[in-house]
N, C-alpha and C. Protein backbone atom coordinates (compact mmCIF):
# COMPACT_ATOMS: atom_id res chain seq x y z
N MET A 1 -0.20 16.67 -5.11
CA MET A 1 -0.66 15.33 -4.81
C MET A 1 0.30 14.70 -3.82
N ASP A 2 -0.26 14.13 -2.75
CA ASP A 2 0.51 13.37 -1.75
C ASP A 2 0.18 11.90 -1.91
N VAL A 3 1.20 11.08 -1.98
CA VAL A 3 1.03 9.64 -2.03
C VAL A 3 1.76 9.05 -0.84
N THR A 4 1.02 8.33 -0.02
CA THR A 4 1.59 7.71 1.18
C THR A 4 1.49 6.20 1.07
N PHE A 5 2.57 5.55 1.43
CA PHE A 5 2.60 4.11 1.57
C PHE A 5 2.66 3.84 3.07
N LEU A 6 1.60 3.32 3.62
CA LEU A 6 1.49 3.06 5.05
C LEU A 6 1.60 1.56 5.25
N CYS A 7 2.68 1.13 5.87
CA CYS A 7 3.04 -0.29 5.86
C CYS A 7 3.29 -0.81 7.27
N VAL A 8 2.87 -2.04 7.50
CA VAL A 8 3.20 -2.72 8.74
C VAL A 8 4.57 -3.36 8.57
N GLY A 9 5.46 -3.08 9.49
CA GLY A 9 6.81 -3.66 9.45
C GLY A 9 7.77 -2.80 8.66
N ASN A 10 9.04 -3.11 8.83
CA ASN A 10 10.06 -2.38 8.08
C ASN A 10 10.73 -3.33 7.10
N LEU A 11 11.49 -2.76 6.20
CA LEU A 11 12.18 -3.55 5.19
C LEU A 11 13.51 -4.01 5.78
N LYS A 12 13.65 -5.31 5.95
CA LYS A 12 14.84 -5.86 6.58
C LYS A 12 15.99 -6.05 5.59
N GLU A 13 15.67 -6.46 4.37
CA GLU A 13 16.70 -6.73 3.38
C GLU A 13 17.07 -5.46 2.62
N SER A 14 18.38 -5.29 2.40
CA SER A 14 18.85 -4.07 1.75
C SER A 14 18.35 -3.98 0.31
N TYR A 15 18.17 -5.11 -0.37
CA TYR A 15 17.72 -5.05 -1.76
C TYR A 15 16.30 -4.53 -1.85
N PHE A 16 15.45 -4.81 -0.87
CA PHE A 16 14.10 -4.23 -0.86
C PHE A 16 14.19 -2.73 -0.55
N ARG A 17 15.00 -2.36 0.43
CA ARG A 17 15.16 -0.93 0.78
C ARG A 17 15.68 -0.14 -0.41
N ASP A 18 16.68 -0.69 -1.09
CA ASP A 18 17.25 0.00 -2.25
C ASP A 18 16.22 0.16 -3.37
N GLY A 19 15.45 -0.88 -3.63
CA GLY A 19 14.44 -0.82 -4.67
C GLY A 19 13.36 0.20 -4.36
N VAL A 20 12.87 0.18 -3.13
CA VAL A 20 11.83 1.14 -2.73
C VAL A 20 12.38 2.56 -2.78
N LYS A 21 13.61 2.73 -2.33
CA LYS A 21 14.23 4.06 -2.36
C LYS A 21 14.33 4.58 -3.79
N GLU A 22 14.67 3.71 -4.73
CA GLU A 22 14.76 4.11 -6.14
C GLU A 22 13.40 4.57 -6.66
N TYR A 23 12.34 3.81 -6.38
CA TYR A 23 11.02 4.22 -6.86
C TYR A 23 10.50 5.44 -6.12
N GLU A 24 10.87 5.59 -4.87
CA GLU A 24 10.50 6.81 -4.13
C GLU A 24 11.13 8.02 -4.81
N LYS A 25 12.38 7.89 -5.21
CA LYS A 25 13.07 8.99 -5.91
C LYS A 25 12.38 9.28 -7.24
N ARG A 26 12.06 8.24 -8.00
CA ARG A 26 11.41 8.43 -9.30
C ARG A 26 10.02 9.06 -9.14
N LEU A 27 9.28 8.59 -8.14
CA LEU A 27 7.92 9.11 -7.92
C LEU A 27 7.91 10.56 -7.46
N SER A 28 8.98 10.99 -6.80
CA SER A 28 9.01 12.35 -6.24
C SER A 28 8.89 13.41 -7.34
N ARG A 29 9.11 13.03 -8.57
CA ARG A 29 8.93 13.93 -9.70
C ARG A 29 7.46 14.26 -9.93
N PHE A 30 6.58 13.34 -9.53
CA PHE A 30 5.15 13.47 -9.80
C PHE A 30 4.33 13.85 -8.57
N ALA A 31 4.81 13.51 -7.38
CA ALA A 31 4.01 13.71 -6.16
C ALA A 31 4.93 13.75 -4.95
N LYS A 32 4.37 14.25 -3.87
CA LYS A 32 5.08 14.18 -2.59
C LYS A 32 4.88 12.75 -2.06
N ILE A 33 5.97 12.06 -1.78
CA ILE A 33 5.91 10.66 -1.37
C ILE A 33 6.24 10.55 0.12
N ASN A 34 5.38 9.80 0.82
CA ASN A 34 5.60 9.52 2.24
C ASN A 34 5.57 8.01 2.43
N ILE A 35 6.54 7.51 3.15
CA ILE A 35 6.51 6.09 3.52
C ILE A 35 6.47 6.05 5.04
N ILE A 36 5.39 5.50 5.54
CA ILE A 36 5.18 5.40 6.98
C ILE A 36 5.16 3.94 7.36
N GLU A 37 5.98 3.58 8.33
CA GLU A 37 6.01 2.21 8.83
C GLU A 37 5.48 2.18 10.25
N VAL A 38 4.64 1.20 10.52
CA VAL A 38 4.21 0.94 11.90
C VAL A 38 4.76 -0.41 12.30
N SER A 39 4.95 -0.60 13.58
CA SER A 39 5.56 -1.82 14.08
C SER A 39 4.67 -3.03 13.87
N GLU A 40 5.32 -4.14 13.53
CA GLU A 40 4.62 -5.42 13.50
C GLU A 40 4.43 -5.90 14.92
N VAL A 41 3.29 -6.50 15.18
CA VAL A 41 3.06 -7.12 16.48
C VAL A 41 3.56 -8.55 16.38
N GLN A 42 4.37 -8.96 17.34
CA GLN A 42 4.93 -10.31 17.32
C GLN A 42 3.83 -11.36 17.45
N ILE A 43 3.96 -12.41 16.66
CA ILE A 43 3.00 -13.50 16.66
C ILE A 43 3.59 -14.66 17.45
N PRO A 44 2.91 -15.10 18.52
CA PRO A 44 3.41 -16.25 19.28
C PRO A 44 3.42 -17.51 18.39
N ASN A 45 4.31 -18.44 18.68
CA ASN A 45 4.44 -19.66 17.88
C ASN A 45 3.14 -20.43 17.74
N ASN A 46 2.42 -20.58 18.79
CA ASN A 46 1.18 -21.37 18.75
C ASN A 46 -0.04 -20.46 18.87
N ALA A 47 -0.04 -19.40 18.10
CA ALA A 47 -1.14 -18.43 18.17
C ALA A 47 -2.44 -19.06 17.68
N SER A 48 -3.49 -18.81 18.41
CA SER A 48 -4.82 -19.28 18.00
C SER A 48 -5.39 -18.30 16.97
N VAL A 49 -6.47 -18.69 16.36
CA VAL A 49 -7.15 -17.78 15.42
C VAL A 49 -7.57 -16.51 16.15
N SER A 50 -8.04 -16.66 17.36
CA SER A 50 -8.43 -15.50 18.18
C SER A 50 -7.23 -14.58 18.42
N ASP A 51 -6.08 -15.17 18.73
CA ASP A 51 -4.85 -14.38 18.92
C ASP A 51 -4.49 -13.63 17.64
N GLU A 52 -4.64 -14.29 16.49
CA GLU A 52 -4.30 -13.66 15.22
C GLU A 52 -5.21 -12.46 14.94
N TYR A 53 -6.49 -12.59 15.25
CA TYR A 53 -7.40 -11.45 15.07
C TYR A 53 -7.03 -10.30 15.99
N LYS A 54 -6.63 -10.61 17.21
CA LYS A 54 -6.20 -9.56 18.15
C LYS A 54 -4.96 -8.85 17.63
N ILE A 55 -4.04 -9.61 17.05
CA ILE A 55 -2.82 -9.02 16.48
C ILE A 55 -3.17 -8.10 15.32
N MET A 56 -4.05 -8.57 14.41
CA MET A 56 -4.46 -7.72 13.28
C MET A 56 -5.15 -6.46 13.79
N ASP A 57 -5.96 -6.58 14.84
CA ASP A 57 -6.63 -5.40 15.40
C ASP A 57 -5.62 -4.42 15.99
N LYS A 58 -4.59 -4.94 16.69
CA LYS A 58 -3.55 -4.06 17.25
C LYS A 58 -2.81 -3.34 16.13
N GLU A 59 -2.44 -4.09 15.09
CA GLU A 59 -1.75 -3.45 13.96
C GLU A 59 -2.68 -2.45 13.28
N GLY A 60 -3.97 -2.78 13.21
CA GLY A 60 -4.95 -1.86 12.65
C GLY A 60 -5.02 -0.56 13.41
N GLN A 61 -4.95 -0.63 14.73
CA GLN A 61 -4.96 0.59 15.54
C GLN A 61 -3.71 1.43 15.29
N LEU A 62 -2.57 0.76 15.10
CA LEU A 62 -1.34 1.49 14.78
C LEU A 62 -1.47 2.18 13.42
N ILE A 63 -2.08 1.49 12.46
CA ILE A 63 -2.30 2.09 11.13
C ILE A 63 -3.22 3.30 11.26
N LEU A 64 -4.32 3.14 11.98
CA LEU A 64 -5.27 4.25 12.15
C LEU A 64 -4.61 5.47 12.77
N SER A 65 -3.68 5.25 13.70
CA SER A 65 -3.01 6.38 14.36
C SER A 65 -2.12 7.17 13.40
N LYS A 66 -1.73 6.57 12.29
CA LYS A 66 -0.85 7.23 11.31
C LYS A 66 -1.57 7.61 10.02
N LEU A 67 -2.82 7.27 9.91
CA LEU A 67 -3.57 7.52 8.69
C LEU A 67 -3.83 9.01 8.51
N PRO A 68 -3.38 9.58 7.39
CA PRO A 68 -3.63 11.01 7.16
C PRO A 68 -5.14 11.29 7.05
N LYS A 69 -5.51 12.49 7.39
CA LYS A 69 -6.91 12.90 7.30
C LYS A 69 -7.28 13.16 5.84
N ASP A 70 -8.55 12.99 5.55
CA ASP A 70 -9.13 13.33 4.26
C ASP A 70 -8.31 12.76 3.09
N CYS A 71 -8.23 11.43 3.05
CA CYS A 71 -7.45 10.80 1.99
C CYS A 71 -8.27 9.69 1.32
N TYR A 72 -7.84 9.31 0.14
CA TYR A 72 -8.42 8.18 -0.57
C TYR A 72 -7.58 6.98 -0.21
N ILE A 73 -8.22 5.90 0.22
CA ILE A 73 -7.50 4.75 0.76
C ILE A 73 -7.61 3.53 -0.14
N PHE A 74 -6.45 3.03 -0.53
CA PHE A 74 -6.32 1.72 -1.16
C PHE A 74 -5.77 0.77 -0.10
N VAL A 75 -6.28 -0.43 -0.03
CA VAL A 75 -5.66 -1.46 0.81
C VAL A 75 -5.29 -2.63 -0.08
N LEU A 76 -4.17 -3.24 0.21
CA LEU A 76 -3.81 -4.46 -0.50
C LEU A 76 -4.44 -5.63 0.22
N ASP A 77 -5.23 -6.38 -0.54
CA ASP A 77 -6.00 -7.49 0.02
C ASP A 77 -6.19 -8.54 -1.07
N ARG A 78 -5.92 -9.78 -0.75
CA ARG A 78 -6.07 -10.86 -1.75
C ARG A 78 -7.46 -10.89 -2.35
N LYS A 79 -8.45 -10.43 -1.62
CA LYS A 79 -9.83 -10.44 -2.11
C LYS A 79 -10.22 -9.12 -2.77
N GLY A 80 -9.24 -8.27 -3.01
CA GLY A 80 -9.51 -6.96 -3.60
C GLY A 80 -9.71 -7.02 -5.10
N ASN A 81 -9.80 -5.85 -5.69
CA ASN A 81 -10.02 -5.70 -7.13
C ASN A 81 -8.72 -5.93 -7.90
N PHE A 82 -8.84 -6.61 -9.02
CA PHE A 82 -7.72 -6.77 -9.93
C PHE A 82 -7.78 -5.63 -10.94
N LEU A 83 -6.72 -4.82 -11.00
CA LEU A 83 -6.65 -3.73 -11.96
C LEU A 83 -5.42 -3.90 -12.82
N SER A 84 -5.54 -3.56 -14.08
CA SER A 84 -4.35 -3.50 -14.93
C SER A 84 -3.56 -2.24 -14.55
N SER A 85 -2.36 -2.14 -15.05
CA SER A 85 -1.56 -0.93 -14.80
C SER A 85 -2.27 0.30 -15.33
N GLU A 86 -2.89 0.17 -16.51
CA GLU A 86 -3.61 1.30 -17.10
C GLU A 86 -4.84 1.66 -16.25
N GLU A 87 -5.52 0.67 -15.73
CA GLU A 87 -6.69 0.94 -14.88
C GLU A 87 -6.29 1.60 -13.56
N LEU A 88 -5.17 1.16 -12.99
CA LEU A 88 -4.68 1.81 -11.77
C LEU A 88 -4.31 3.26 -12.07
N ALA A 89 -3.65 3.50 -13.19
CA ALA A 89 -3.30 4.87 -13.59
C ALA A 89 -4.57 5.71 -13.74
N GLY A 90 -5.58 5.15 -14.38
CA GLY A 90 -6.85 5.88 -14.55
C GLY A 90 -7.51 6.18 -13.23
N LYS A 91 -7.46 5.23 -12.30
CA LYS A 91 -8.05 5.43 -10.98
C LYS A 91 -7.33 6.56 -10.23
N ILE A 92 -6.02 6.54 -10.25
CA ILE A 92 -5.24 7.59 -9.59
C ILE A 92 -5.54 8.94 -10.23
N GLU A 93 -5.60 8.98 -11.55
CA GLU A 93 -5.90 10.24 -12.25
C GLU A 93 -7.28 10.75 -11.90
N GLU A 94 -8.25 9.85 -11.83
CA GLU A 94 -9.62 10.22 -11.44
C GLU A 94 -9.65 10.80 -10.03
N ILE A 95 -8.94 10.16 -9.12
CA ILE A 95 -8.89 10.65 -7.73
C ILE A 95 -8.25 12.03 -7.69
N MET A 96 -7.16 12.20 -8.43
CA MET A 96 -6.47 13.50 -8.45
C MET A 96 -7.35 14.59 -9.03
N THR A 97 -8.14 14.25 -10.04
CA THR A 97 -8.93 15.25 -10.75
C THR A 97 -10.23 15.57 -10.01
N TYR A 98 -10.90 14.55 -9.51
CA TYR A 98 -12.25 14.76 -8.96
C TYR A 98 -12.37 14.42 -7.48
N GLY A 99 -11.31 13.98 -6.88
CA GLY A 99 -11.45 13.49 -5.52
C GLY A 99 -10.56 14.17 -4.52
N LYS A 100 -9.60 13.46 -4.06
CA LYS A 100 -8.74 13.89 -2.96
C LYS A 100 -7.35 14.27 -3.47
N SER A 101 -6.64 15.03 -2.64
CA SER A 101 -5.27 15.37 -2.99
C SER A 101 -4.28 14.45 -2.26
N ARG A 102 -4.84 13.53 -1.46
CA ARG A 102 -4.00 12.56 -0.75
C ARG A 102 -4.49 11.15 -1.05
N ILE A 103 -3.54 10.31 -1.43
CA ILE A 103 -3.82 8.90 -1.65
C ILE A 103 -2.95 8.10 -0.69
N VAL A 104 -3.55 7.10 -0.06
CA VAL A 104 -2.81 6.23 0.85
C VAL A 104 -2.97 4.79 0.39
N PHE A 105 -1.85 4.11 0.29
CA PHE A 105 -1.82 2.67 0.01
C PHE A 105 -1.40 1.98 1.30
N ILE A 106 -2.24 1.07 1.79
CA ILE A 106 -1.96 0.39 3.05
C ILE A 106 -1.59 -1.07 2.77
N ILE A 107 -0.46 -1.48 3.32
CA ILE A 107 0.00 -2.86 3.23
C ILE A 107 0.07 -3.42 4.65
N GLY A 108 -0.65 -4.49 4.88
CA GLY A 108 -0.68 -5.10 6.19
C GLY A 108 0.56 -5.93 6.47
N GLY A 109 0.54 -6.55 7.62
CA GLY A 109 1.65 -7.40 8.03
C GLY A 109 1.44 -8.84 7.62
N TYR A 110 2.13 -9.71 8.30
CA TYR A 110 2.14 -11.14 8.01
C TYR A 110 0.73 -11.74 7.97
N LEU A 111 -0.14 -11.30 8.85
CA LEU A 111 -1.49 -11.85 8.92
C LEU A 111 -2.49 -11.12 8.04
N GLY A 112 -2.11 -10.00 7.49
CA GLY A 112 -3.03 -9.21 6.69
C GLY A 112 -3.55 -8.02 7.48
N LEU A 113 -4.68 -7.49 7.05
CA LEU A 113 -5.27 -6.29 7.63
C LEU A 113 -6.52 -6.61 8.42
N SER A 114 -6.76 -5.82 9.44
CA SER A 114 -7.97 -5.98 10.24
C SER A 114 -9.20 -5.60 9.40
N ASP A 115 -10.34 -6.12 9.81
CA ASP A 115 -11.58 -5.80 9.11
C ASP A 115 -11.86 -4.30 9.16
N GLU A 116 -11.51 -3.66 10.27
CA GLU A 116 -11.75 -2.22 10.40
C GLU A 116 -10.98 -1.44 9.33
N ILE A 117 -9.74 -1.81 9.09
CA ILE A 117 -8.94 -1.13 8.06
C ILE A 117 -9.52 -1.42 6.68
N LYS A 118 -9.89 -2.66 6.43
CA LYS A 118 -10.48 -3.01 5.12
C LYS A 118 -11.75 -2.22 4.86
N ARG A 119 -12.56 -2.00 5.91
CA ARG A 119 -13.81 -1.24 5.73
C ARG A 119 -13.55 0.23 5.40
N LYS A 120 -12.43 0.76 5.82
CA LYS A 120 -12.10 2.16 5.55
C LYS A 120 -11.68 2.40 4.10
N ALA A 121 -11.31 1.34 3.42
CA ALA A 121 -10.77 1.46 2.06
C ALA A 121 -11.84 1.81 1.06
N GLN A 122 -11.52 2.74 0.19
CA GLN A 122 -12.38 3.02 -0.96
C GLN A 122 -12.08 2.03 -2.08
N CYS A 123 -10.86 1.50 -2.10
CA CYS A 123 -10.49 0.56 -3.15
C CYS A 123 -9.60 -0.55 -2.59
N PRO A 124 -10.19 -1.72 -2.34
CA PRO A 124 -9.35 -2.87 -2.00
C PRO A 124 -8.68 -3.35 -3.29
N LEU A 125 -7.40 -3.56 -3.24
CA LEU A 125 -6.61 -3.84 -4.44
C LEU A 125 -5.87 -5.15 -4.26
N SER A 126 -5.94 -6.00 -5.29
CA SER A 126 -5.23 -7.27 -5.26
C SER A 126 -4.31 -7.37 -6.46
N PHE A 127 -3.14 -7.92 -6.25
CA PHE A 127 -2.21 -8.15 -7.34
C PHE A 127 -2.27 -9.59 -7.82
N SER A 128 -2.85 -10.46 -7.03
CA SER A 128 -2.91 -11.88 -7.38
C SER A 128 -3.74 -12.61 -6.34
N LYS A 129 -4.19 -13.81 -6.68
CA LYS A 129 -4.83 -14.67 -5.68
C LYS A 129 -3.78 -15.29 -4.76
N MET A 130 -2.54 -15.21 -5.17
CA MET A 130 -1.45 -15.76 -4.36
C MET A 130 -1.10 -14.82 -3.22
N THR A 131 -0.42 -15.35 -2.24
CA THR A 131 0.07 -14.56 -1.12
C THR A 131 1.54 -14.23 -1.35
N PHE A 132 1.90 -12.97 -1.11
CA PHE A 132 3.29 -12.54 -1.27
C PHE A 132 3.77 -11.95 0.05
N PRO A 133 5.08 -11.98 0.29
CA PRO A 133 5.62 -11.31 1.47
C PRO A 133 5.32 -9.81 1.40
N HIS A 134 4.92 -9.23 2.53
CA HIS A 134 4.55 -7.82 2.49
C HIS A 134 5.73 -6.92 2.13
N GLN A 135 6.95 -7.36 2.41
CA GLN A 135 8.10 -6.56 2.02
C GLN A 135 8.23 -6.51 0.49
N LEU A 136 8.03 -7.63 -0.16
CA LEU A 136 8.09 -7.68 -1.62
C LEU A 136 6.96 -6.85 -2.22
N MET A 137 5.78 -6.92 -1.62
CA MET A 137 4.63 -6.18 -2.15
C MET A 137 4.85 -4.67 -2.08
N ARG A 138 5.58 -4.22 -1.09
CA ARG A 138 5.87 -2.78 -1.02
C ARG A 138 6.65 -2.34 -2.26
N LEU A 139 7.65 -3.13 -2.63
CA LEU A 139 8.45 -2.81 -3.81
C LEU A 139 7.58 -2.88 -5.07
N VAL A 140 6.81 -3.93 -5.21
CA VAL A 140 5.94 -4.09 -6.39
C VAL A 140 4.93 -2.95 -6.47
N LEU A 141 4.33 -2.60 -5.34
CA LEU A 141 3.36 -1.50 -5.31
C LEU A 141 4.00 -0.18 -5.71
N CYS A 142 5.17 0.12 -5.17
CA CYS A 142 5.86 1.37 -5.54
C CYS A 142 6.12 1.41 -7.04
N GLU A 143 6.54 0.27 -7.60
CA GLU A 143 6.80 0.22 -9.04
C GLU A 143 5.52 0.46 -9.81
N GLN A 144 4.41 -0.14 -9.39
CA GLN A 144 3.15 0.02 -10.12
C GLN A 144 2.61 1.45 -10.01
N VAL A 145 2.77 2.08 -8.88
CA VAL A 145 2.33 3.47 -8.75
C VAL A 145 3.19 4.36 -9.65
N TYR A 146 4.48 4.11 -9.67
CA TYR A 146 5.36 4.85 -10.59
C TYR A 146 4.93 4.63 -12.04
N ARG A 147 4.67 3.38 -12.39
CA ARG A 147 4.21 3.05 -13.74
C ARG A 147 2.92 3.81 -14.05
N GLY A 148 2.03 3.88 -13.07
CA GLY A 148 0.78 4.61 -13.25
C GLY A 148 1.00 6.08 -13.57
N PHE A 149 1.90 6.71 -12.85
CA PHE A 149 2.19 8.13 -13.12
C PHE A 149 2.83 8.31 -14.50
N LYS A 150 3.67 7.38 -14.90
CA LYS A 150 4.26 7.45 -16.25
C LYS A 150 3.16 7.34 -17.31
N ILE A 151 2.22 6.42 -17.10
CA ILE A 151 1.11 6.25 -18.04
C ILE A 151 0.28 7.53 -18.09
N MET A 152 -0.06 8.08 -16.93
CA MET A 152 -0.87 9.31 -16.88
C MET A 152 -0.21 10.46 -17.63
N ASN A 153 1.12 10.50 -17.59
CA ASN A 153 1.86 11.59 -18.22
C ASN A 153 2.30 11.24 -19.65
N HIS A 154 1.77 10.15 -20.17
CA HIS A 154 2.06 9.73 -21.55
C HIS A 154 3.56 9.60 -21.81
N GLU A 155 4.26 9.08 -20.82
CA GLU A 155 5.70 8.88 -20.94
C GLU A 155 6.00 7.41 -21.17
N THR A 156 7.04 7.14 -21.92
CA THR A 156 7.39 5.75 -22.17
C THR A 156 7.92 5.11 -20.90
N TYR A 157 7.64 3.86 -20.73
CA TYR A 157 8.14 3.04 -19.64
C TYR A 157 7.32 1.77 -19.52
N HIS A 158 6.03 1.90 -19.65
CA HIS A 158 5.13 0.84 -19.22
C HIS A 158 4.96 -0.31 -20.19
N LYS A 159 5.53 -0.28 -21.36
CA LYS A 159 5.31 -1.38 -22.31
C LYS A 159 6.53 -2.23 -22.44
């Protein structure tokens, strides 16, 4: 099983990098882990709505250029599905058993994801109706995927 985290932007703060690195190490016991970063497109100070859509489209093209072939795609989106940790674990297990050998989790940048990327997703996923910094969401997502693998393997951790 390959699990890829495809993210817009890089982790600037060392505490986020350290946290993600720790979960990457823990997850490597269960799957091959790939973290792919694509560059954020700079947003002008007085960007119009049209400019923002163009930026999301540019970032979307960068994501598409790095998207592995033949994979199951989750995107993080405020309008996505709310899943419990157990439901996420079940979804990953179902994909592993009956679907693909590659799972990709896509985290957009400051403005979110382009419509094209959202349409490619088999599972839009939301952690809350609130908006979170994408750097923080990478850490939270890595932790939840790790939690999911622990649940699938009937190992203690998740309670």
